[in-house]
């Protein structure tokens, strides 16, 4: 159960940590009311990538998009091949089990 002053305690704890070690405060991620950390580092990286992409010339943007699409389709193809292999192994295992049940166990009963 969250106490009403939980955020105040947490904020004060972070302030004390910053006072003890000033460099450690820059890695602290503030939390929202639901307790999950804010995504400031993720937003920062995305903003940096967006700014970098926007500064590229048109030819550079086209090349980056083509390369990203190529890598994306390659990863997607690999994942789909992995899923197909797992399904194939499951079907093969099922067929081998059924063959064992029908042929081997029926012969042992005779």
N, C-alpha and C. Protein backbone atom coordinates (compact mmCIF):
# COMPACT_ATOMS: atom_id res chain seq x y z
N UNK A 1 0.85 -1.17 0.00
CA UNK A 1 0.00 0.00 0.00
C UNK A 1 0.89 1.23 0.00
N UNK A 2 0.62 2.17 -0.86
CA UNK A 2 1.40 3.39 -0.95
C UNK A 2 0.91 4.39 0.08
N UNK A 3 1.84 4.97 0.80
CA UNK A 3 1.50 6.02 1.74
C UNK A 3 1.41 7.33 0.97
N UNK A 4 0.64 8.28 1.46
CA UNK A 4 0.51 9.55 0.73
C UNK A 4 1.84 10.29 0.59
N UNK A 5 2.74 10.11 1.52
CA UNK A 5 4.00 10.83 1.50
C UNK A 5 5.13 10.00 0.88
N UNK A 6 4.79 8.90 0.22
CA UNK A 6 5.81 8.03 -0.37
C UNK A 6 6.70 8.79 -1.35
N UNK A 7 6.08 9.60 -2.21
CA UNK A 7 6.85 10.35 -3.20
C UNK A 7 7.75 11.38 -2.53
N UNK A 8 7.26 11.98 -1.44
CA UNK A 8 8.09 12.94 -0.72
C UNK A 8 9.31 12.25 -0.11
N UNK A 9 9.09 11.05 0.45
CA UNK A 9 10.20 10.31 1.02
C UNK A 9 11.20 9.92 -0.07
N UNK A 10 10.68 9.47 -1.18
CA UNK A 10 11.56 9.06 -2.28
C UNK A 10 12.35 10.25 -2.81
N UNK A 11 11.70 11.38 -2.98
CA UNK A 11 12.38 12.58 -3.47
C UNK A 11 13.45 13.02 -2.47
N UNK A 12 13.14 12.98 -1.19
CA UNK A 12 14.11 13.38 -0.17
C UNK A 12 15.29 12.42 -0.15
N UNK A 13 15.03 11.13 -0.31
CA UNK A 13 16.10 10.14 -0.37
C UNK A 13 17.03 10.42 -1.54
N UNK A 14 16.46 10.76 -2.68
CA UNK A 14 17.27 11.08 -3.85
C UNK A 14 18.09 12.34 -3.61
N UNK A 15 17.52 13.34 -2.95
CA UNK A 15 18.26 14.56 -2.64
C UNK A 15 19.43 14.27 -1.72
N UNK A 16 19.23 13.40 -0.74
CA UNK A 16 20.31 13.03 0.17
C UNK A 16 21.41 12.30 -0.59
N UNK A 17 21.02 11.39 -1.50
CA UNK A 17 22.02 10.68 -2.30
C UNK A 17 22.83 11.65 -3.15
N UNK A 18 22.18 12.66 -3.72
CA UNK A 18 22.88 13.64 -4.54
C UNK A 18 23.83 14.46 -3.67
N UNK A 19 23.41 14.77 -2.45
CA UNK A 19 24.29 15.53 -1.56
C UNK A 19 25.53 14.71 -1.20
N UNK A 20 25.34 13.40 -0.97
CA UNK A 20 26.48 12.56 -0.61
C UNK A 20 27.40 12.32 -1.79
N UNK A 21 26.83 12.02 -2.95
CA UNK A 21 27.61 11.78 -4.17
C UNK A 21 26.97 12.57 -5.30
N UNK A 22 27.49 13.74 -5.62
CA UNK A 22 26.87 14.59 -6.65
C UNK A 22 26.81 13.94 -8.02
N UNK A 23 27.77 13.07 -8.37
CA UNK A 23 27.77 12.46 -9.69
C UNK A 23 26.71 11.38 -9.83
N UNK A 24 26.27 10.79 -8.72
CA UNK A 24 25.30 9.71 -8.82
C UNK A 24 23.91 10.20 -9.19
N UNK A 25 23.61 11.47 -8.98
CA UNK A 25 22.28 12.00 -9.25
C UNK A 25 21.94 12.08 -10.71
N UNK A 26 22.93 12.13 -11.59
CA UNK A 26 22.63 12.26 -13.01
C UNK A 26 22.08 10.98 -13.62
N UNK A 27 22.25 9.83 -12.94
CA UNK A 27 21.74 8.57 -13.45
C UNK A 27 20.38 8.22 -12.85
N UNK A 28 19.90 9.02 -11.93
CA UNK A 28 18.64 8.75 -11.29
C UNK A 28 17.50 9.04 -12.24
N UNK A 29 16.55 8.11 -12.28
CA UNK A 29 15.38 8.31 -13.13
C UNK A 29 14.19 8.62 -12.23
N UNK A 30 13.56 9.77 -12.40
CA UNK A 30 12.39 10.07 -11.58
C UNK A 30 11.25 9.11 -11.91
N UNK A 31 10.42 8.84 -10.91
CA UNK A 31 9.32 7.91 -11.11
C UNK A 31 8.01 8.67 -11.19
N UNK A 32 7.07 8.07 -11.92
CA UNK A 32 5.74 8.63 -12.02
C UNK A 32 4.95 8.17 -10.80
N UNK A 33 3.70 8.55 -10.72
CA UNK A 33 2.86 8.19 -9.58
C UNK A 33 2.60 6.69 -9.53
N UNK A 34 2.62 6.01 -10.67
CA UNK A 34 2.38 4.58 -10.66
C UNK A 34 3.64 3.78 -10.31
N UNK A 35 4.76 4.45 -10.08
CA UNK A 35 5.97 3.77 -9.63
C UNK A 35 6.92 3.37 -10.72
N UNK A 36 6.54 3.51 -11.98
CA UNK A 36 7.42 3.15 -13.07
C UNK A 36 8.30 4.33 -13.45
N UNK A 37 9.55 4.07 -13.83
CA UNK A 37 10.43 5.19 -14.17
C UNK A 37 9.98 5.88 -15.46
N UNK A 38 10.21 7.20 -15.51
CA UNK A 38 9.93 7.95 -16.73
C UNK A 38 10.90 7.51 -17.81
N UNK A 39 10.51 7.69 -19.04
CA UNK A 39 11.33 7.24 -20.16
C UNK A 39 12.13 8.38 -20.75
N UNK A 40 12.70 9.24 -19.91
CA UNK A 40 13.50 10.35 -20.41
C UNK A 40 14.71 9.89 -21.20
N UNK A 41 15.45 8.86 -20.77
CA UNK A 41 16.58 8.42 -21.59
C UNK A 41 16.15 7.91 -22.96
N UNK A 42 15.02 7.22 -23.02
CA UNK A 42 14.53 6.71 -24.30
C UNK A 42 14.12 7.88 -25.19
N UNK A 43 13.43 8.83 -24.62
CA UNK A 43 13.01 10.00 -25.40
C UNK A 43 14.23 10.78 -25.87
N UNK A 44 15.25 10.85 -25.02
CA UNK A 44 16.46 11.57 -25.40
C UNK A 44 17.14 10.90 -26.59
N UNK A 45 17.25 9.58 -26.56
CA UNK A 45 17.88 8.86 -27.66
C UNK A 45 17.06 9.02 -28.93
N UNK A 46 15.75 8.91 -28.82
CA UNK A 46 14.90 9.08 -29.99
C UNK A 46 15.01 10.50 -30.55
N UNK A 47 15.08 11.48 -29.68
CA UNK A 47 15.24 12.86 -30.16
C UNK A 47 16.59 13.04 -30.85
N UNK A 48 17.64 12.44 -30.31
CA UNK A 48 18.95 12.54 -30.95
C UNK A 48 18.93 11.89 -32.33
N UNK A 49 18.29 10.71 -32.43
CA UNK A 49 18.21 10.04 -33.72
C UNK A 49 17.39 10.85 -34.72
N UNK A 50 16.29 11.43 -34.24
CA UNK A 50 15.45 12.25 -35.13
C UNK A 50 16.21 13.47 -35.61
N UNK A 51 16.92 14.12 -34.71
CA UNK A 51 17.71 15.29 -35.11
C UNK A 51 18.81 14.91 -36.11
N UNK A 52 19.48 13.79 -35.83
CA UNK A 52 20.53 13.32 -36.75
C UNK A 52 19.95 13.02 -38.13
N UNK A 53 18.80 12.34 -38.15
CA UNK A 53 18.17 11.99 -39.42
C UNK A 53 17.74 13.25 -40.17
N UNK A 54 17.19 14.22 -39.46
CA UNK A 54 16.73 15.45 -40.11
C UNK A 54 17.88 16.28 -40.67
N UNK A 55 19.07 16.17 -40.10
CA UNK A 55 20.22 16.91 -40.61
C UNK A 55 20.85 16.29 -41.84
N UNK A 56 20.50 15.02 -42.13
CA UNK A 56 21.07 14.35 -43.29
C UNK A 56 20.56 14.98 -44.58
N UNK A 57 21.38 14.93 -45.63
CA UNK A 57 20.86 15.37 -46.94
C UNK A 57 19.84 14.34 -47.44
N UNK A 58 19.12 14.70 -48.47
CA UNK A 58 18.05 13.83 -48.99
C UNK A 58 18.59 12.46 -49.41
N UNK A 59 19.74 12.45 -50.07
CA UNK A 59 20.33 11.18 -50.50
C UNK A 59 20.68 10.33 -49.28
N UNK A 60 21.19 10.94 -48.25
CA UNK A 60 21.52 10.22 -47.02
C UNK A 60 20.29 9.65 -46.35
N UNK A 61 19.20 10.41 -46.35
CA UNK A 61 17.95 9.92 -45.77
C UNK A 61 17.45 8.70 -46.52
N UNK A 62 17.53 8.76 -47.85
CA UNK A 62 17.08 7.62 -48.67
C UNK A 62 17.93 6.39 -48.37
N UNK A 63 19.24 6.58 -48.27
CA UNK A 63 20.13 5.45 -47.98
C UNK A 63 19.84 4.87 -46.61
N UNK A 64 19.63 5.73 -45.60
CA UNK A 64 19.33 5.25 -44.26
C UNK A 64 18.02 4.48 -44.24
N UNK A 65 17.00 4.98 -44.92
CA UNK A 65 15.70 4.29 -44.96
C UNK A 65 15.84 2.94 -45.66
N UNK A 66 16.59 2.89 -46.77
CA UNK A 66 16.78 1.62 -47.48
C UNK A 66 17.52 0.62 -46.60
N UNK A 67 18.57 1.07 -45.93
CA UNK A 67 19.33 0.17 -45.06
C UNK A 67 18.48 -0.31 -43.89
N UNK A 68 17.71 0.59 -43.28
CA UNK A 68 16.86 0.21 -42.15
C UNK A 68 15.79 -0.79 -42.60
N UNK A 69 15.21 -0.56 -43.78
CA UNK A 69 14.21 -1.50 -44.29
C UNK A 69 14.85 -2.85 -44.59
N UNK A 70 16.04 -2.84 -45.15
CA UNK A 70 16.74 -4.09 -45.45
C UNK A 70 17.03 -4.88 -44.18
N UNK A 71 17.53 -4.20 -43.17
CA UNK A 71 17.82 -4.87 -41.90
C UNK A 71 16.53 -5.34 -41.25
N UNK A 72 15.49 -4.53 -41.29
CA UNK A 72 14.20 -4.92 -40.71
C UNK A 72 13.61 -6.15 -41.38
N UNK A 73 13.64 -6.17 -42.72
CA UNK A 73 13.12 -7.35 -43.42
C UNK A 73 13.97 -8.57 -43.17
N UNK A 74 15.27 -8.40 -43.03
CA UNK A 74 16.15 -9.52 -42.73
C UNK A 74 15.83 -10.12 -41.36
N UNK A 75 15.64 -9.26 -40.37
CA UNK A 75 15.28 -9.74 -39.04
C UNK A 75 13.92 -10.42 -39.06
N UNK A 76 12.96 -9.82 -39.77
CA UNK A 76 11.63 -10.41 -39.87
C UNK A 76 11.69 -11.77 -40.54
N UNK A 77 12.47 -11.88 -41.60
CA UNK A 77 12.62 -13.16 -42.29
C UNK A 77 13.22 -14.21 -41.37
N UNK A 78 14.22 -13.84 -40.59
CA UNK A 78 14.85 -14.78 -39.66
C UNK A 78 13.85 -15.25 -38.60
N UNK A 79 13.07 -14.33 -38.08
CA UNK A 79 12.08 -14.69 -37.07
C UNK A 79 11.04 -15.63 -37.66
N UNK A 80 10.58 -15.33 -38.87
CA UNK A 80 9.58 -16.20 -39.50
C UNK A 80 10.15 -17.59 -39.80
N UNK A 81 11.42 -17.65 -40.20
CA UNK A 81 12.05 -18.95 -40.42
C UNK A 81 12.16 -19.73 -39.12
N UNK A 82 12.48 -19.05 -38.03
CA UNK A 82 12.55 -19.70 -36.74
C UNK A 82 11.19 -20.25 -36.32
N UNK A 83 10.15 -19.47 -36.51
CA UNK A 83 8.79 -19.92 -36.18
C UNK A 83 8.41 -21.12 -37.04
N UNK A 84 8.73 -21.07 -38.33
CA UNK A 84 8.42 -22.18 -39.23
C UNK A 84 9.18 -23.44 -38.80
N UNK A 85 10.42 -23.29 -38.37
CA UNK A 85 11.20 -24.44 -37.92
C UNK A 85 10.60 -25.05 -36.65
N UNK A 86 10.17 -24.22 -35.74
CA UNK A 86 9.56 -24.72 -34.51
C UNK A 86 8.26 -25.46 -34.82
N UNK A 87 7.45 -24.91 -35.72
CA UNK A 87 6.21 -25.58 -36.10
C UNK A 87 6.51 -26.91 -36.78
N UNK A 88 7.51 -26.94 -37.66
CA UNK A 88 7.89 -28.18 -38.33
C UNK A 88 8.36 -29.23 -37.33
N UNK A 89 9.16 -28.83 -36.37
CA UNK A 89 9.62 -29.77 -35.36
C UNK A 89 8.46 -30.29 -34.51
N UNK A 90 7.51 -29.43 -34.21
CA UNK A 90 6.34 -29.86 -33.44
C UNK A 90 5.52 -30.87 -34.24
N UNK A 91 5.33 -30.62 -35.52
CA UNK A 91 4.58 -31.56 -36.35
C UNK A 91 5.32 -32.89 -36.49
N UNK A 92 6.63 -32.83 -36.69
CA UNK A 92 7.42 -34.05 -36.79
C UNK A 92 7.36 -34.84 -35.49
N UNK A 93 7.49 -34.16 -34.37
CA UNK A 93 7.40 -34.84 -33.08
C UNK A 93 6.04 -35.49 -32.87
N UNK A 94 4.98 -34.80 -33.28
CA UNK A 94 3.63 -35.36 -33.15
C UNK A 94 3.47 -36.59 -34.03
N UNK A 95 3.97 -36.51 -35.27
CA UNK A 95 3.86 -37.67 -36.17
C UNK A 95 4.66 -38.85 -35.64
N UNK A 96 5.86 -38.61 -35.13
CA UNK A 96 6.67 -39.70 -34.58
C UNK A 96 5.99 -40.32 -33.35
N UNK A 97 5.40 -39.49 -32.50
CA UNK A 97 4.71 -40.00 -31.34
C UNK A 97 3.51 -40.86 -31.74
N UNK A 98 2.73 -40.37 -32.73
CA UNK A 98 1.58 -41.15 -33.20
C UNK A 98 2.02 -42.46 -33.84
N UNK A 99 3.10 -42.42 -34.61
CA UNK A 99 3.62 -43.65 -35.21
C UNK A 99 4.05 -44.62 -34.11
N UNK A 100 4.70 -44.13 -33.10
CA UNK A 100 5.10 -44.98 -31.98
C UNK A 100 3.89 -45.58 -31.31
N UNK A 101 2.87 -44.77 -31.06
CA UNK A 101 1.67 -45.26 -30.38
C UNK A 101 0.94 -46.33 -31.19
N UNK A 102 0.83 -46.13 -32.51
CA UNK A 102 0.06 -47.06 -33.32
C UNK A 102 0.86 -48.30 -33.68
N UNK A 103 2.11 -48.18 -34.04
CA UNK A 103 2.87 -49.32 -34.54
C UNK A 103 3.60 -50.07 -33.44
N UNK A 104 4.29 -49.39 -32.60
CA UNK A 104 5.09 -50.06 -31.58
C UNK A 104 4.21 -50.65 -30.48
N UNK A 105 3.28 -49.86 -29.97
CA UNK A 105 2.45 -50.37 -28.88
C UNK A 105 1.47 -51.41 -29.38
N UNK A 106 1.03 -51.35 -30.62
CA UNK A 106 0.11 -52.39 -31.14
C UNK A 106 0.86 -53.71 -31.33
N UNK A 107 2.13 -53.69 -31.69
CA UNK A 107 2.93 -54.90 -31.84
C UNK A 107 3.23 -55.51 -30.48
N UNK A 108 3.41 -54.72 -29.47
CA UNK A 108 3.73 -55.26 -28.15
C UNK A 108 2.51 -55.90 -27.50
N UNK A 109 1.31 -55.55 -27.93
CA UNK A 109 0.09 -56.15 -27.39
C UNK A 109 -0.14 -57.54 -27.99
N UNK A 110 0.39 -57.78 -29.16
CA UNK A 110 0.15 -59.07 -29.81
C UNK A 110 0.99 -60.13 -29.28
